[in-house]
Amino acid sequence: MKQRPLLQGLLALSSPLLIALAVVVLLQRQGVDKLQALPALLIGSGLLISSGVHRRRWRRELLLALRQDEDKQEPHGESLP
């Protein structure tokens, strides 16, 4: 299934924009009203961290697969006796 680039771009920006919105609200409100911005800040941060962890795990698995594939192939330039 082909993903649309615009939708994919908006989803990529959603977590940082949610964090930015929460920071703006934290700066504008005073006292107990600041607590209303904490859920947005925590959710945005959690999504960003989760995405980073997933991306790092995926890249590590890809690198290991490439290394295993490289080990199975014969070295280039060597001749058989």
Protein backbone atom coordinates (compact mmCIF):
# COMPACT_ATOMS: atom_id res chain seq x y z
CA MET A 1 0.00 0.00 0.00
CA LYS A 2 1.42 3.35 -1.04
CA GLN A 3 1.39 6.06 1.63
CA ARG A 4 0.64 9.60 0.66
CA PRO A 5 3.60 11.97 1.21
CA LEU A 6 1.49 14.81 2.63
CA LEU A 7 -0.13 12.61 5.25
CA GLN A 8 3.20 11.05 6.15
CA GLY A 9 4.75 14.51 6.56
CA LEU A 10 1.93 15.71 8.79
CA LEU A 11 2.22 12.64 10.98
CA ALA A 12 5.97 13.20 11.31
CA LEU A 13 5.37 16.76 12.51
CA SER A 14 2.53 15.92 14.90
CA SER A 15 4.66 15.04 17.95
CA PRO A 16 6.96 18.10 17.78
CA LEU A 17 3.96 20.37 17.18
CA LEU A 18 2.12 18.86 20.17
CA ILE A 19 5.18 19.52 22.35
CA ALA A 20 5.47 23.08 21.03
CA LEU A 21 1.79 23.72 21.73
CA ALA A 22 2.17 22.41 25.28
CA VAL A 23 5.18 24.67 25.90
CA VAL A 24 3.29 27.72 24.59
CA VAL A 25 0.36 26.91 26.88
CA LEU A 26 2.74 26.44 29.82
CA LEU A 27 4.21 29.89 29.17
CA GLN A 28 0.83 31.61 28.86
CA ARG A 29 -1.02 30.12 31.82
CA GLN A 30 -0.40 30.73 35.50
CA GLY A 31 -0.75 28.65 38.62
CA VAL A 32 -2.82 25.49 38.58
CA ASP A 33 -3.98 26.14 34.99
CA LYS A 34 -0.51 25.06 33.78
CA LEU A 35 -1.37 21.46 34.71
CA GLN A 36 -3.72 21.28 31.74
CA ALA A 37 -0.73 21.37 29.37
CA LEU A 38 1.12 18.47 30.99
CA PRO A 39 -0.81 15.62 29.27
CA ALA A 40 -0.04 17.07 25.83
CA LEU A 41 3.61 17.53 26.77
CA LEU A 42 3.92 13.98 28.11
CA ILE A 43 2.11 12.38 25.17
CA GLY A 44 4.15 14.31 22.59
CA SER A 45 7.41 13.45 24.36
CA GLY A 46 6.40 9.80 24.67
CA LEU A 47 5.55 9.56 20.98
CA LEU A 48 8.83 11.19 20.00
CA ILE A 49 10.90 8.91 22.25
CA SER A 50 9.00 5.82 21.10
CA SER A 51 9.58 6.72 17.47
CA GLY A 52 13.30 7.20 18.09
CA VAL A 53 13.63 3.87 19.88
CA HIS A 54 11.72 2.08 17.11
CA ARG A 55 13.87 3.70 14.41
CA ARG A 56 17.09 2.77 16.22
CA ARG A 57 15.96 -0.86 16.66
CA TRP A 58 14.93 -1.11 13.00
CA ARG A 59 18.28 0.28 11.82
CA ARG A 60 20.21 -2.12 14.08
CA GLU A 61 18.26 -5.11 12.72
CA LEU A 62 18.84 -3.93 9.16
CA LEU A 63 22.59 -3.56 9.77
CA LEU A 64 22.79 -7.04 11.31
CA ALA A 65 20.92 -8.51 8.32
CA LEU A 66 23.31 -6.78 5.91
CA ARG A 67 26.33 -8.05 7.82
CA GLN A 68 24.99 -11.62 7.84
CA ASP A 69 24.32 -11.44 4.11
CA GLU A 70 27.86 -10.13 3.56
CA ASP A 71 29.35 -13.03 5.56
CA LYS A 72 27.49 -15.60 3.43
CA GLN A 73 28.89 -14.26 0.16
CA GLU A 74 32.36 -15.15 -1.08
CA PRO A 75 34.98 -12.41 -0.88
CA HIS A 76 35.52 -10.62 -4.18
CA GLY A 77 38.81 -10.93 -6.00
CA GLU A 78 39.90 -14.30 -4.60
CA SER A 79 40.35 -17.19 -6.98
CA LEU A 80 39.54 -20.81 -6.13
CA PRO A 81 42.46 -23.34 -6.28
